[in-house]
Protein backbone atom coordinates (compact mmCIF):
# COMPACT_ATOMS: atom_id res chain seq x y z
CA MET A 1 -17.39 -28.10 14.13
CA LYS A 2 -14.03 -26.50 14.72
CA SER A 3 -13.36 -22.86 15.49
CA ILE A 4 -10.23 -21.04 14.47
CA LYS A 5 -8.87 -17.77 15.76
CA ILE A 6 -6.93 -15.48 13.47
CA GLU A 7 -4.91 -12.62 14.92
CA ALA A 8 -3.12 -9.75 13.27
CA LYS A 9 -0.16 -7.85 14.70
CA PHE A 10 0.73 -4.29 13.76
CA ASP A 11 3.43 -1.90 14.92
CA VAL A 12 2.18 1.65 15.46
CA PHE A 13 4.60 4.58 15.36
CA GLU A 14 3.44 7.92 16.76
CA ASN A 15 4.73 9.79 13.72
CA LEU A 16 6.98 9.51 10.69
CA GLU A 17 10.05 10.55 12.69
CA GLU A 18 9.86 7.28 14.67
CA VAL A 19 10.48 5.03 11.66
CA SER A 20 13.88 4.38 10.10
CA SER A 21 15.38 6.89 7.67
CA GLU A 22 14.86 4.37 4.84
CA ILE A 23 11.13 4.17 5.60
CA GLN A 24 10.92 7.96 6.03
CA ASN A 25 12.40 8.32 2.54
CA LEU A 26 9.98 5.77 1.12
CA MET A 27 7.00 7.44 2.81
CA ASN A 28 8.15 10.87 1.60
CA ASN A 29 8.08 9.42 -1.92
CA ALA A 30 4.53 8.21 -1.25
CA ILE A 31 3.53 11.66 0.01
CA GLU A 32 4.96 13.27 -3.12
CA ALA A 33 3.07 10.75 -5.29
CA ARG A 34 -0.12 11.49 -3.31
CA ARG A 35 0.16 15.15 -4.25
CA LYS A 36 0.05 14.09 -7.92
CA ALA A 37 -3.14 12.04 -7.54
CA TYR A 38 -6.01 12.74 -9.89
CA ALA A 39 -9.01 12.67 -7.55
CA PRO A 40 -11.52 15.31 -8.70
CA TYR A 41 -14.55 13.22 -7.70
CA SER A 42 -13.71 11.68 -4.33
CA LYS A 43 -11.30 14.43 -3.25
CA PHE A 44 -9.35 11.59 -1.59
CA GLN A 45 -5.74 11.41 -2.70
CA VAL A 46 -3.54 8.35 -2.19
CA GLY A 47 0.13 7.93 -2.95
CA VAL A 48 2.28 4.82 -2.82
CA ALA A 49 5.98 4.14 -2.95
CA ILE A 50 7.31 0.63 -3.48
CA LEU A 51 10.85 -0.40 -2.64
CA LEU A 52 12.22 -3.21 -4.80
CA GLU A 53 15.04 -5.52 -3.74
CA ASN A 54 17.30 -3.86 -6.35
CA GLY A 55 16.88 -0.49 -4.58
CA GLU A 56 14.51 1.01 -7.17
CA ILE A 57 11.55 3.00 -5.84
CA ILE A 58 8.33 2.89 -7.86
CA THR A 59 5.57 5.39 -7.08
CA GLY A 60 1.92 5.62 -8.00
CA SER A 61 -1.17 7.64 -7.18
CA ASN A 62 -4.88 7.07 -7.54
CA GLN A 63 -6.30 8.03 -10.92
CA GLU A 64 -10.06 8.60 -11.02
CA ASN A 65 -12.45 8.65 -13.93
CA ALA A 66 -15.98 10.01 -14.33
CA SER A 67 -16.94 6.38 -14.91
CA PHE A 68 -15.98 5.36 -11.38
CA PRO A 69 -15.11 1.71 -12.00
CA ALA A 70 -12.61 2.79 -14.65
CA GLY A 71 -10.33 4.52 -12.11
CA LEU A 72 -7.37 2.86 -10.43
CA CYS A 73 -6.09 2.96 -6.86
CA ALA A 74 -2.56 4.10 -6.11
CA GLU A 75 -1.43 0.69 -4.86
CA ARG A 76 -2.51 -1.12 -8.01
CA THR A 77 -1.07 1.63 -10.23
CA ALA A 78 2.35 1.20 -8.61
CA ILE A 79 2.40 -2.56 -8.11
CA HIS A 80 1.35 -3.34 -11.67
CA TYR A 81 3.95 -0.93 -13.02
CA ALA A 82 6.60 -2.58 -10.85
CA GLY A 83 5.51 -5.99 -12.12
CA ALA A 84 5.61 -4.83 -15.74
CA LYS A 85 8.95 -3.03 -15.55
CA TYR A 86 10.76 -5.36 -13.11
CA PRO A 87 8.94 -8.71 -13.46
CA ASP A 88 11.62 -10.78 -11.70
CA THR A 89 12.47 -8.31 -8.92
CA LYS A 90 10.97 -8.79 -5.47
CA ILE A 91 8.97 -6.09 -3.76
CA THR A 92 10.29 -5.63 -0.23
CA THR A 93 8.33 -2.70 1.17
CA LEU A 94 5.27 -0.64 0.31
CA ALA A 95 4.43 2.76 1.85
CA ILE A 96 0.99 4.40 1.59
CA SER A 97 -0.08 7.96 2.39
CA ALA A 98 -3.69 9.07 2.05
CA ALA A 99 -5.34 12.46 2.50
CA SER A 100 -8.78 13.94 2.01
CA GLN A 101 -9.08 17.38 0.45
CA ILE A 102 -12.21 17.83 2.59
CA ASN A 103 -11.25 16.49 6.04
CA ASN A 104 -8.01 16.23 8.02
CA THR A 105 -6.85 12.62 7.55
CA ILE A 106 -4.98 11.63 10.71
CA THR A 107 -6.12 7.99 10.84
CA PRO A 108 -3.72 5.60 9.07
CA VAL A 109 -5.36 4.36 5.85
CA PRO A 110 -4.64 0.75 4.83
CA PRO A 111 -5.07 -0.60 1.29
CA CYS A 112 -8.63 -1.29 0.15
CA GLY A 113 -9.79 -4.85 -0.50
CA ALA A 114 -9.05 -4.83 -4.24
CA CYS A 115 -5.55 -3.52 -3.58
CA ARG A 116 -4.97 -6.11 -0.86
CA GLN A 117 -5.80 -8.79 -3.41
CA ALA A 118 -3.38 -7.28 -5.95
CA ILE A 119 -0.60 -7.06 -3.38
CA ALA A 120 -1.37 -10.64 -2.29
CA GLU A 121 -0.73 -11.83 -5.84
CA TYR A 122 2.80 -10.43 -5.74
CA GLU A 123 3.50 -11.67 -2.21
CA VAL A 124 2.52 -15.21 -3.27
CA LYS A 125 4.35 -14.90 -6.63
CA GLN A 126 7.64 -13.94 -4.97
CA SER A 127 7.23 -16.33 -2.01
CA SER A 128 8.24 -13.64 0.45
CA PRO A 129 6.39 -11.06 2.52
CA ILE A 130 5.89 -7.44 1.54
CA GLU A 131 6.26 -5.11 4.50
CA ILE A 132 3.53 -2.45 4.42
CA TYR A 133 3.54 0.97 6.10
CA PHE A 134 0.47 3.20 5.97
CA MET A 135 -0.57 6.57 7.30
CA GLY A 136 -3.00 9.43 6.72
CA SER A 137 -1.71 12.85 5.76
CA THR A 138 -0.05 13.21 9.19
CA GLY A 139 0.11 11.38 12.48
CA LYS A 140 0.58 7.73 13.24
CA VAL A 141 2.27 5.27 10.91
CA VAL A 142 1.21 1.62 11.02
CA ARG A 143 3.47 -1.26 9.97
CA SER A 144 2.29 -4.70 8.89
CA GLU A 145 4.99 -7.31 8.39
CA SER A 146 3.15 -8.73 5.39
CA LEU A 147 0.02 -8.50 3.30
CA GLU A 148 -1.06 -11.85 4.70
CA ASN A 149 -1.33 -10.10 8.08
CA LEU A 150 -3.90 -7.72 6.52
CA LEU A 151 -5.67 -10.44 4.53
CA PRO A 152 -5.21 -13.72 6.43
CA LEU A 153 -7.58 -15.83 4.32
CA MET A 154 -6.12 -14.89 0.97
CA PHE A 155 -7.54 -16.04 -2.33
CA ASP A 156 -4.56 -17.06 -4.42
CA LYS A 157 -3.39 -19.54 -7.05
CA THR A 158 -3.39 -22.40 -4.54
CA VAL A 159 -7.20 -22.56 -4.61
CA LEU A 160 -7.52 -22.64 -8.39
């Protein structure tokens, strides 16, 4: 038997003012998208802004449905739109802001498992990392240099 150790490294900023102006702009786009989320059931709104290598910013928000599996997370809404509209353009950065309408969300909220898998597909497809920033409604901002850092044992096309 052999044991392996997998480590993840994250940068944690105390607040949005500590990140670069480019990331502040991207996160402000995510916050604006979050405010447009359709979340009448969970009361948990998520917004995403994606920066493409051509400078375009794509936003998305979670869209719920009374038939819960039929809804879509903000990350997948935005990343699939980016892939459909700009299929040959790399995604460089993704910013996520999440907030509960019930509780104060100060803990940074990373992408869920399904969204990590969707982001992984694009990171593998473009053969370059996607930098990910995530936060709650206020407070700390966490940076991951890539999706692989969040999902080190990715399931991708190499195993098919």
